[in-house]
Amino acid sequence: MGTMDRLIRILIALVIVILLLTRVLTGVLAIILGIVALIFLVTSFFSFCPLYIPLKISTLKKEESQKS
């Protein structure tokens, strides 16, 4: 997972958390988006998204992938 991908995921997760804390999101939608935010944070922390493997997606730049 590339740096920009991680940053975007973290920003989206933070927006969701803020919306949850301010109670803009409620009910089932709040639960679902809360889970999505948690998944985004975990995958960003580990720099790994399991969904990218079967979809054969890589957001690493060439120089980043050579370092790993």
N, C-alpha and C. Protein backbone atom coordinates (compact mmCIF):
# COMPACT_ATOMS: atom_id res chain seq x y z
N MET A 1 0.84 -1.16 0.00
CA MET A 1 0.00 0.00 0.00
C MET A 1 0.90 1.24 0.00
N GLY A 2 0.64 2.12 -0.90
CA GLY A 2 1.45 3.33 -1.04
C GLY A 2 1.13 4.38 0.01
N THR A 3 1.99 5.36 0.11
CA THR A 3 1.86 6.41 1.10
C THR A 3 0.58 7.23 0.89
N MET A 4 0.29 7.59 -0.34
CA MET A 4 -0.91 8.37 -0.63
C MET A 4 -2.17 7.57 -0.30
N ASP A 5 -2.17 6.29 -0.60
CA ASP A 5 -3.29 5.41 -0.28
C ASP A 5 -3.53 5.40 1.23
N ARG A 6 -2.45 5.26 2.00
CA ARG A 6 -2.56 5.24 3.46
C ARG A 6 -3.11 6.57 3.97
N LEU A 7 -2.61 7.68 3.44
CA LEU A 7 -3.05 9.00 3.88
C LEU A 7 -4.53 9.21 3.60
N ILE A 8 -4.98 8.83 2.43
CA ILE A 8 -6.39 8.98 2.06
C ILE A 8 -7.27 8.15 2.97
N ARG A 9 -6.85 6.92 3.26
CA ARG A 9 -7.62 6.05 4.15
C ARG A 9 -7.72 6.64 5.55
N ILE A 10 -6.62 7.18 6.05
CA ILE A 10 -6.63 7.77 7.39
C ILE A 10 -7.53 9.00 7.43
N LEU A 11 -7.46 9.84 6.41
CA LEU A 11 -8.32 11.03 6.36
C LEU A 11 -9.80 10.67 6.29
N ILE A 12 -10.14 9.67 5.50
CA ILE A 12 -11.54 9.23 5.40
C ILE A 12 -12.00 8.68 6.75
N ALA A 13 -11.15 7.89 7.38
CA ALA A 13 -11.49 7.32 8.69
C ALA A 13 -11.70 8.43 9.72
N LEU A 14 -10.86 9.45 9.70
CA LEU A 14 -11.00 10.56 10.65
C LEU A 14 -12.30 11.33 10.42
N VAL A 15 -12.66 11.54 9.17
CA VAL A 15 -13.92 12.22 8.87
C VAL A 15 -15.09 11.40 9.39
N ILE A 16 -15.06 10.10 9.18
CA ILE A 16 -16.13 9.23 9.66
C ILE A 16 -16.22 9.28 11.19
N VAL A 17 -15.07 9.22 11.86
CA VAL A 17 -15.06 9.26 13.32
C VAL A 17 -15.64 10.59 13.83
N ILE A 18 -15.27 11.68 13.20
CA ILE A 18 -15.81 12.98 13.60
C ILE A 18 -17.33 13.02 13.41
N LEU A 19 -17.80 12.49 12.29
CA LEU A 19 -19.25 12.45 12.05
C LEU A 19 -19.96 11.57 13.07
N LEU A 20 -19.32 10.49 13.49
CA LEU A 20 -19.91 9.62 14.50
C LEU A 20 -19.94 10.31 15.86
N LEU A 21 -18.84 10.97 16.23
CA LEU A 21 -18.76 11.63 17.53
C LEU A 21 -19.71 12.82 17.66
N THR A 22 -19.97 13.49 16.55
CA THR A 22 -20.89 14.62 16.57
C THR A 22 -22.33 14.16 16.32
N ARG A 23 -22.53 12.88 16.22
CA ARG A 23 -23.84 12.25 16.02
C ARG A 23 -24.55 12.71 14.75
N VAL A 24 -23.76 13.04 13.74
CA VAL A 24 -24.34 13.33 12.43
C VAL A 24 -24.78 12.02 11.80
N LEU A 25 -24.00 10.96 12.04
CA LEU A 25 -24.34 9.63 11.56
C LEU A 25 -24.91 8.83 12.72
N THR A 26 -26.05 8.18 12.49
CA THR A 26 -26.65 7.36 13.53
C THR A 26 -27.21 6.08 12.91
N GLY A 27 -27.58 5.16 13.77
CA GLY A 27 -28.24 3.94 13.34
C GLY A 27 -27.30 2.97 12.64
N VAL A 28 -27.88 2.22 11.73
CA VAL A 28 -27.15 1.18 11.02
C VAL A 28 -26.02 1.77 10.18
N LEU A 29 -26.27 2.91 9.57
CA LEU A 29 -25.24 3.57 8.77
C LEU A 29 -24.02 3.91 9.62
N ALA A 30 -24.26 4.36 10.84
CA ALA A 30 -23.16 4.69 11.75
C ALA A 30 -22.34 3.46 12.08
N ILE A 31 -22.99 2.35 12.30
CA ILE A 31 -22.29 1.10 12.62
C ILE A 31 -21.46 0.65 11.43
N ILE A 32 -22.05 0.65 10.26
CA ILE A 32 -21.34 0.21 9.05
C ILE A 32 -20.14 1.11 8.76
N LEU A 33 -20.34 2.42 8.79
CA LEU A 33 -19.24 3.34 8.51
C LEU A 33 -18.19 3.30 9.62
N GLY A 34 -18.60 3.03 10.85
CA GLY A 34 -17.64 2.86 11.93
C GLY A 34 -16.73 1.67 11.69
N ILE A 35 -17.30 0.59 11.20
CA ILE A 35 -16.51 -0.61 10.86
C ILE A 35 -15.57 -0.30 9.70
N VAL A 36 -16.07 0.42 8.71
CA VAL A 36 -15.23 0.81 7.57
C VAL A 36 -14.06 1.67 8.03
N ALA A 37 -14.33 2.62 8.93
CA ALA A 37 -13.27 3.48 9.45
C ALA A 37 -12.23 2.66 10.19
N LEU A 38 -12.67 1.71 10.99
CA LEU A 38 -11.75 0.84 11.72
C LEU A 38 -10.88 0.03 10.76
N ILE A 39 -11.50 -0.51 9.72
CA ILE A 39 -10.75 -1.29 8.72
C ILE A 39 -9.74 -0.39 8.02
N PHE A 40 -10.15 0.82 7.66
CA PHE A 40 -9.22 1.75 7.01
C PHE A 40 -8.03 2.06 7.90
N LEU A 41 -8.27 2.28 9.18
CA LEU A 41 -7.17 2.59 10.10
C LEU A 41 -6.22 1.41 10.27
N VAL A 42 -6.79 0.21 10.41
CA VAL A 42 -5.95 -0.99 10.60
C VAL A 42 -5.12 -1.27 9.35
N THR A 43 -5.75 -1.20 8.18
CA THR A 43 -5.00 -1.48 6.95
C THR A 43 -3.95 -0.40 6.70
N SER A 44 -4.23 0.83 7.09
CA SER A 44 -3.23 1.89 6.94
C SER A 44 -2.07 1.68 7.90
N PHE A 45 -2.36 1.27 9.12
CA PHE A 45 -1.31 1.04 10.11
C PHE A 45 -0.36 -0.06 9.66
N PHE A 46 -0.91 -1.15 9.09
CA PHE A 46 -0.09 -2.27 8.65
C PHE A 46 0.39 -2.14 7.21
N SER A 47 -0.05 -1.11 6.50
CA SER A 47 0.30 -0.90 5.09
C SER A 47 -0.02 -2.12 4.23
N PHE A 48 -1.14 -2.74 4.52
CA PHE A 48 -1.52 -3.96 3.80
C PHE A 48 -3.04 -4.03 3.72
N CYS A 49 -3.54 -4.23 2.52
CA CYS A 49 -4.97 -4.41 2.31
C CYS A 49 -5.18 -5.79 1.67
N PRO A 50 -5.81 -6.72 2.40
CA PRO A 50 -6.00 -8.07 1.87
C PRO A 50 -6.84 -8.11 0.59
N LEU A 51 -7.69 -7.13 0.40
CA LEU A 51 -8.53 -7.09 -0.80
C LEU A 51 -7.71 -6.83 -2.06
N TYR A 52 -6.55 -6.20 -1.90
CA TYR A 52 -5.70 -5.90 -3.06
C TYR A 52 -5.09 -7.15 -3.68
N ILE A 53 -4.93 -8.22 -2.93
CA ILE A 53 -4.30 -9.44 -3.45
C ILE A 53 -5.16 -10.08 -4.55
N PRO A 54 -6.43 -10.44 -4.28
CA PRO A 54 -7.22 -11.07 -5.35
C PRO A 54 -7.52 -10.12 -6.51
N LEU A 55 -7.55 -8.81 -6.22
CA LEU A 55 -7.81 -7.84 -7.28
C LEU A 55 -6.54 -7.44 -8.03
N LYS A 56 -5.39 -7.93 -7.54
CA LYS A 56 -4.08 -7.65 -8.13
C LYS A 56 -3.83 -6.15 -8.28
N ILE A 57 -4.08 -5.43 -7.17
CA ILE A 57 -3.89 -3.98 -7.14
C ILE A 57 -2.66 -3.67 -6.30
N SER A 58 -1.87 -2.71 -6.75
CA SER A 58 -0.75 -2.22 -5.96
C SER A 58 -0.71 -0.72 -6.09
N THR A 59 -0.65 -0.04 -4.95
CA THR A 59 -0.57 1.42 -4.97
C THR A 59 0.84 1.89 -4.62
N LEU A 60 1.77 0.97 -4.58
CA LEU A 60 3.17 1.32 -4.32
C LEU A 60 3.81 1.89 -5.57
N LYS A 61 4.61 2.92 -5.38
CA LYS A 61 5.41 3.41 -6.48
C LYS A 61 6.57 2.43 -6.66
N LYS A 62 7.22 2.45 -7.79
CA LYS A 62 8.29 1.49 -8.06
C LYS A 62 9.42 1.57 -7.04
N GLU A 63 9.82 2.78 -6.64
CA GLU A 63 10.91 2.90 -5.67
C GLU A 63 10.48 2.44 -4.28
N GLU A 64 9.20 2.59 -3.94
CA GLU A 64 8.70 2.11 -2.64
C GLU A 64 8.67 0.60 -2.61
N SER A 65 8.26 -0.03 -3.72
CA SER A 65 8.15 -1.48 -3.75
C SER A 65 9.52 -2.15 -3.71
N GLN A 66 10.56 -1.48 -4.19
CA GLN A 66 11.91 -2.05 -4.15
C GLN A 66 12.47 -2.01 -2.74
N LYS A 67 12.03 -1.05 -1.90
CA LYS A 67 12.49 -0.96 -0.52
C LYS A 67 11.90 -2.07 0.33
N SER A 68 10.66 -2.49 0.03
CA SER A 68 9.97 -3.50 0.84
C SER A 68 10.46 -4.90 0.55
